[in-house]
Amino acid sequence: MAQMNEKEILSDELCDKLCILAREKSKELGIDISFAVSDRHGLPRVYRRYGDALD
């Protein structure tokens, strides 16, 4: 079985940090965004929508 490098694991904490950074960037740019994080296999881990994005 292939070994998985610990750096390749998308933890809940890392996903939360990525969402926080995306929200900060959204505010900085003054635009509403939707934001998704997928793992290395393309499986969704988290999805967030800020403001009126996609309305």
PDB file of N, CA and C in Angstrom:
ATOM      1  N   MET A   1       0.848  -1.181   0.000  1.00  0.00           N
ATOM      2  CA  MET A   1       0.000   0.000   0.000  1.00  0.00           C
ATOM      3  C   MET A   1       0.894   1.245   0.000  1.00  0.00           C
ATOM      4  N   ALA A   2       0.497   2.247  -0.761  1.00  0.00           N
ATOM      5  CA  ALA A   2       1.283   3.478  -0.858  1.00  0.00           C
ATOM      6  C   ALA A   2       1.194   4.267   0.445  1.00  0.00           C
ATOM      7  N   GLN A   3       2.327   4.828   0.827  1.00  0.00           N
ATOM      8  CA  GLN A   3       2.348   5.663   2.023  1.00  0.00           C
ATOM      9  C   GLN A   3       1.889   7.072   1.663  1.00  0.00           C
ATOM     10  N   MET A   4       1.187   7.691   2.587  1.00  0.00           N
ATOM     11  CA  MET A   4       0.714   9.053   2.366  1.00  0.00           C
ATOM     12  C   MET A   4       1.546  10.006   3.207  1.00  0.00           C
ATOM     13  N   ASN A   5       2.072  11.008   2.560  1.00  0.00           N
ATOM     14  CA  ASN A   5       2.833  12.040   3.234  1.00  0.00           C
ATOM     15  C   ASN A   5       1.880  12.874   4.071  1.00  0.00           C
ATOM     16  N   GLU A   6       2.249  13.148   5.315  1.00  0.00           N
ATOM     17  CA  GLU A   6       1.392  13.929   6.216  1.00  0.00           C
ATOM     18  C   GLU A   6       1.058  15.299   5.639  1.00  0.00           C
ATOM     19  N   LYS A   7       1.935  15.872   4.821  1.00  0.00           N
ATOM     20  CA  LYS A   7       1.690  17.182   4.220  1.00  0.00           C
ATOM     21  C   LYS A   7       0.591  17.122   3.161  1.00  0.00           C
ATOM     22  N   GLU A   8       0.258  15.918   2.677  1.00  0.00           N
ATOM     23  CA  GLU A   8      -0.756  15.772   1.646  1.00  0.00           C
ATOM     24  C   GLU A   8      -2.170  15.695   2.221  1.00  0.00           C
ATOM     25  N   ILE A   9      -2.300  15.620   3.525  1.00  0.00           N
ATOM     26  CA  ILE A   9      -3.605  15.462   4.149  1.00  0.00           C
ATOM     27  C   ILE A   9      -4.243  16.831   4.377  1.00  0.00           C
ATOM     28  N   LEU A  10      -5.466  16.977   3.884  1.00  0.00           N
ATOM     29  CA  LEU A  10      -6.209  18.218   4.102  1.00  0.00           C
ATOM     30  C   LEU A  10      -7.031  18.063   5.373  1.00  0.00           C
ATOM     31  N   SER A  11      -6.501  18.537   6.460  1.00  0.00           N
ATOM     32  CA  SER A  11      -7.207  18.462   7.738  1.00  0.00           C
ATOM     33  C   SER A  11      -8.322  19.500   7.779  1.00  0.00           C
ATOM     34  N   ASP A  12      -9.233  19.324   8.724  1.00  0.00           N
ATOM     35  CA  ASP A  12     -10.292  20.313   8.910  1.00  0.00           C
ATOM     36  C   ASP A  12      -9.696  21.672   9.254  1.00  0.00           C
ATOM     37  N   GLU A  13      -8.633  21.666  10.045  1.00  0.00           N
ATOM     38  CA  GLU A  13      -7.989  22.925  10.436  1.00  0.00           C
ATOM     39  C   GLU A  13      -7.402  23.635   9.224  1.00  0.00           C
ATOM     40  N   LEU A  14      -6.766  22.892   8.335  1.00  0.00           N
ATOM     41  CA  LEU A  14      -6.188  23.496   7.139  1.00  0.00           C
ATOM     42  C   LEU A  14      -7.291  24.044   6.233  1.00  0.00           C
ATOM     43  N   CYS A  15      -8.372  23.301   6.069  1.00  0.00           N
ATOM     44  CA  CYS A  15      -9.500  23.783   5.264  1.00  0.00           C
ATOM     45  C   CYS A  15     -10.071  25.072   5.852  1.00  0.00           C
ATOM     46  N   ASP A  16     -10.177  25.131   7.182  1.00  0.00           N
ATOM     47  CA  ASP A  16     -10.670  26.350   7.841  1.00  0.00           C
ATOM     48  C   ASP A  16      -9.741  27.529   7.574  1.00  0.00           C
ATOM     49  N   LYS A  17      -8.429  27.301   7.637  1.00  0.00           N
ATOM     50  CA  LYS A  17      -7.463  28.371   7.372  1.00  0.00           C
ATOM     51  C   LYS A  17      -7.581  28.864   5.931  1.00  0.00           C
ATOM     52  N   LEU A  18      -7.745  27.936   4.992  1.00  0.00           N
ATOM     53  CA  LEU A  18      -7.889  28.317   3.589  1.00  0.00           C
ATOM     54  C   LEU A  18      -9.151  29.158   3.378  1.00  0.00           C
ATOM     55  N   CYS A  19     -10.231  28.797   4.055  1.00  0.00           N
ATOM     56  CA  CYS A  19     -11.479  29.562   3.948  1.00  0.00           C
ATOM     57  C   CYS A  19     -11.321  30.955   4.540  1.00  0.00           C
ATOM     58  N   ILE A  20     -10.620  31.054   5.652  1.00  0.00           N
ATOM     59  CA  ILE A  20     -10.374  32.365   6.270  1.00  0.00           C
ATOM     60  C   ILE A  20      -9.574  33.250   5.323  1.00  0.00           C
ATOM     61  N   LEU A  21      -8.529  32.688   4.713  1.00  0.00           N
ATOM     62  CA  LEU A  21      -7.713  33.461   3.769  1.00  0.00           C
ATOM     63  C   LEU A  21      -8.519  33.886   2.550  1.00  0.00           C
ATOM     64  N   ALA A  22      -9.389  33.010   2.053  1.00  0.00           N
ATOM     65  CA  ALA A  22     -10.220  33.361   0.901  1.00  0.00           C
ATOM     66  C   ALA A  22     -11.185  34.482   1.264  1.00  0.00           C
ATOM     67  N   ARG A  23     -11.761  34.416   2.458  1.00  0.00           N
ATOM     68  CA  ARG A  23     -12.687  35.475   2.894  1.00  0.00           C
ATOM     69  C   ARG A  23     -11.958  36.814   3.037  1.00  0.00           C
ATOM     70  N   GLU A  24     -10.755  36.796   3.612  1.00  0.00           N
ATOM     71  CA  GLU A  24      -9.973  38.025   3.746  1.00  0.00           C
ATOM     72  C   GLU A  24      -9.656  38.622   2.376  1.00  0.00           C
ATOM     73  N   LYS A  25      -9.277  37.777   1.425  1.00  0.00           N
ATOM     74  CA  LYS A  25      -8.957  38.255   0.078  1.00  0.00           C
ATOM     75  C   LYS A  25     -10.205  38.819  -0.600  1.00  0.00           C
ATOM     76  N   SER A  26     -11.345  38.163  -0.383  1.00  0.00           N
ATOM     77  CA  SER A  26     -12.607  38.641  -0.929  1.00  0.00           C
ATOM     78  C   SER A  26     -12.917  40.049  -0.424  1.00  0.00           C
ATOM     79  N   LYS A  27     -12.747  40.241   0.878  1.00  0.00           N
ATOM     80  CA  LYS A  27     -12.987  41.568   1.466  1.00  0.00           C
ATOM     81  C   LYS A  27     -12.001  42.595   0.923  1.00  0.00           C
ATOM     82  N   GLU A  28     -10.732  42.191   0.803  1.00  0.00           N
ATOM     83  CA  GLU A  28      -9.696  43.087   0.289  1.00  0.00           C
ATOM     84  C   GLU A  28     -10.023  43.557  -1.124  1.00  0.00           C
ATOM     85  N   LEU A  29     -10.507  42.626  -1.958  1.00  0.00           N
ATOM     86  CA  LEU A  29     -10.829  42.962  -3.344  1.00  0.00           C
ATOM     87  C   LEU A  29     -12.199  43.607  -3.488  1.00  0.00           C
ATOM     88  N   GLY A  30     -13.028  43.506  -2.442  1.00  0.00           N
ATOM     89  CA  GLY A  30     -14.344  44.094  -2.489  1.00  0.00           C
ATOM     90  C   GLY A  30     -15.329  43.325  -3.357  1.00  0.00           C
ATOM     91  N   ILE A  31     -15.139  42.018  -3.472  1.00  0.00           N
ATOM     92  CA  ILE A  31     -16.041  41.204  -4.278  1.00  0.00           C
ATOM     93  C   ILE A  31     -16.550  40.016  -3.455  1.00  0.00           C
ATOM     94  N   ASP A  32     -17.735  39.541  -3.812  1.00  0.00           N
ATOM     95  CA  ASP A  32     -18.275  38.338  -3.198  1.00  0.00           C
ATOM     96  C   ASP A  32     -17.785  37.127  -3.990  1.00  0.00           C
ATOM     97  N   ILE A  33     -17.453  36.057  -3.286  1.00  0.00           N
ATOM     98  CA  ILE A  33     -16.935  34.870  -3.960  1.00  0.00           C
ATOM     99  C   ILE A  33     -17.575  33.608  -3.403  1.00  0.00           C
ATOM    100  N   SER A  34     -17.490  32.551  -4.189  1.00  0.00           N
ATOM    101  CA  SER A  34     -17.746  31.215  -3.677  1.00  0.00           C
ATOM    102  C   SER A  34     -16.396  30.507  -3.720  1.00  0.00           C
ATOM    103  N   PHE A  35     -16.176  29.587  -2.790  1.00  0.00           N
ATOM    104  CA  PHE A  35     -14.857  29.016  -2.599  1.00  0.00           C
ATOM    105  C   PHE A  35     -14.993  27.540  -2.256  1.00  0.00           C
ATOM    106  N   ALA A  36     -14.259  26.688  -2.959  1.00  0.00           N
ATOM    107  CA  ALA A  36     -14.305  25.251  -2.697  1.00  0.00           C
ATOM    108  C   ALA A  36     -12.883  24.710  -2.537  1.00  0.00           C
ATOM    109  N   VAL A  37     -12.756  23.700  -1.686  1.00  0.00           N
ATOM    110  CA  VAL A  37     -11.470  23.009  -1.486  1.00  0.00           C
ATOM    111  C   VAL A  37     -11.697  21.530  -1.781  1.00  0.00           C
ATOM    112  N   SER A  38     -10.844  20.971  -2.619  1.00  0.00           N
ATOM    113  CA  SER A  38     -10.893  19.546  -2.937  1.00  0.00           C
ATOM    114  C   SER A  38      -9.581  18.899  -2.542  1.00  0.00           C
ATOM    115  N   ASP A  39      -9.626  17.598  -2.252  1.00  0.00           N
ATOM    116  CA  ASP A  39      -8.390  16.888  -1.934  1.00  0.00           C
ATOM    117  C   ASP A  39      -7.663  16.497  -3.222  1.00  0.00           C
ATOM    118  N   ARG A  40      -6.559  15.818  -3.101  1.00  0.00           N
ATOM    119  CA  ARG A  40      -5.738  15.508  -4.274  1.00  0.00           C
ATOM    120  C   ARG A  40      -6.417  14.543  -5.233  1.00  0.00           C
ATOM    121  N   HIS A  41      -7.496  13.911  -4.796  1.00  0.00           N
ATOM    122  CA  HIS A  41      -8.258  13.008  -5.651  1.00  0.00           C
ATOM    123  C   HIS A  41      -9.454  13.708  -6.287  1.00  0.00           C
ATOM    124  N   GLY A  42      -9.618  14.996  -6.009  1.00  0.00           N
ATOM    125  CA  GLY A  42     -10.714  15.762  -6.559  1.00  0.00           C
ATOM    126  C   GLY A  42     -12.003  15.659  -5.762  1.00  0.00           C
ATOM    127  N   LEU A  43     -11.926  15.049  -4.594  1.00  0.00           N
ATOM    128  CA  LEU A  43     -13.116  14.927  -3.750  1.00  0.00           C
ATOM    129  C   LEU A  43     -13.317  16.206  -2.947  1.00  0.00           C
ATOM    130  N   PRO A  44     -14.541  16.715  -2.909  1.00  0.00           N
ATOM    131  CA  PRO A  44     -14.787  17.964  -2.185  1.00  0.00           C
ATOM    132  C   PRO A  44     -14.581  17.815  -0.682  1.00  0.00           C
ATOM    133  N   ARG A  45     -13.934  18.810  -0.099  1.00  0.00           N
ATOM    134  CA  ARG A  45     -13.714  18.839   1.354  1.00  0.00           C
ATOM    135  C   ARG A  45     -14.538  19.920   2.021  1.00  0.00           C
ATOM    136  N   VAL A  46     -14.649  21.088   1.360  1.00  0.00           N
ATOM    137  CA  VAL A  46     -15.386  22.199   1.951  1.00  0.00           C
ATOM    138  C   VAL A  46     -15.838  23.138   0.841  1.00  0.00           C
ATOM    139  N   TYR A  47     -16.965  23.795   1.079  1.00  0.00           N
ATOM    140  CA  TYR A  47     -17.475  24.805   0.154  1.00  0.00           C
ATOM    141  C   TYR A  47     -17.999  25.970   0.984  1.00  0.00           C
ATOM    142  N   ARG A  48     -17.670  27.167   0.585  1.00  0.00           N
ATOM    143  CA  ARG A  48     -18.161  28.370   1.264  1.00  0.00           C
ATOM    144  C   ARG A  48     -18.615  29.380   0.209  1.00  0.00           C
ATOM    145  N   ARG A  49     -19.590  30.153   0.584  1.00  0.00           N
ATOM    146  CA  ARG A  49     -20.068  31.239  -0.274  1.00  0.00           C
ATOM    147  C   ARG A  49     -20.096  32.496   0.581  1.00  0.00           C
ATOM    148  N   TYR A  50     -19.465  33.545   0.086  1.00  0.00           N
ATOM    149  CA  TYR A  50     -19.385  34.807   0.830  1.00  0.00           C
ATOM    150  C   TYR A  50     -20.199  35.867   0.105  1.00  0.00           C
ATOM    151  N   GLY A  51     -21.054  36.543   0.851  1.00  0.00           N
ATOM    152  CA  GLY A  51     -21.874  37.609   0.277  1.00  0.00           C
ATOM    153  C   GLY A  51     -22.922  37.066  -0.648  1.00  0.00           C
ATOM    154  N   ASP A  52     -23.162  37.773  -1.730  1.00  0.00           N
ATOM    155  CA  ASP A  52     -24.200  37.409  -2.688  1.00  0.00           C
ATOM    156  C   ASP A  52     -23.653  36.647  -3.893  1.00  0.00           C
ATOM    157  N   ALA A  53     -22.498  36.029  -3.754  1.00  0.00           N
ATOM    158  CA  ALA A  53     -21.917  35.276  -4.865  1.00  0.00           C
ATOM    159  C   ALA A  53     -22.897  34.188  -5.313  1.00  0.00           C
ATOM    160  N   LEU A  54     -23.066  34.067  -6.592  1.00  0.00           N
ATOM    161  CA  LEU A  54     -23.919  33.063  -7.226  1.00  0.00           C
ATOM    162  C   LEU A  54     -25.414  33.290  -7.016  1.00  0.00           C
ATOM    163  N   ASP A  55     -25.806  34.459  -6.581  1.00  0.00           N
ATOM    164  CA  ASP A  55     -27.243  34.755  -6.445  1.00  0.00           C
ATOM    165  C   ASP A  55     -27.809  35.236  -7.749  1.00  0.00           C
TER     166      ASP A  55
END
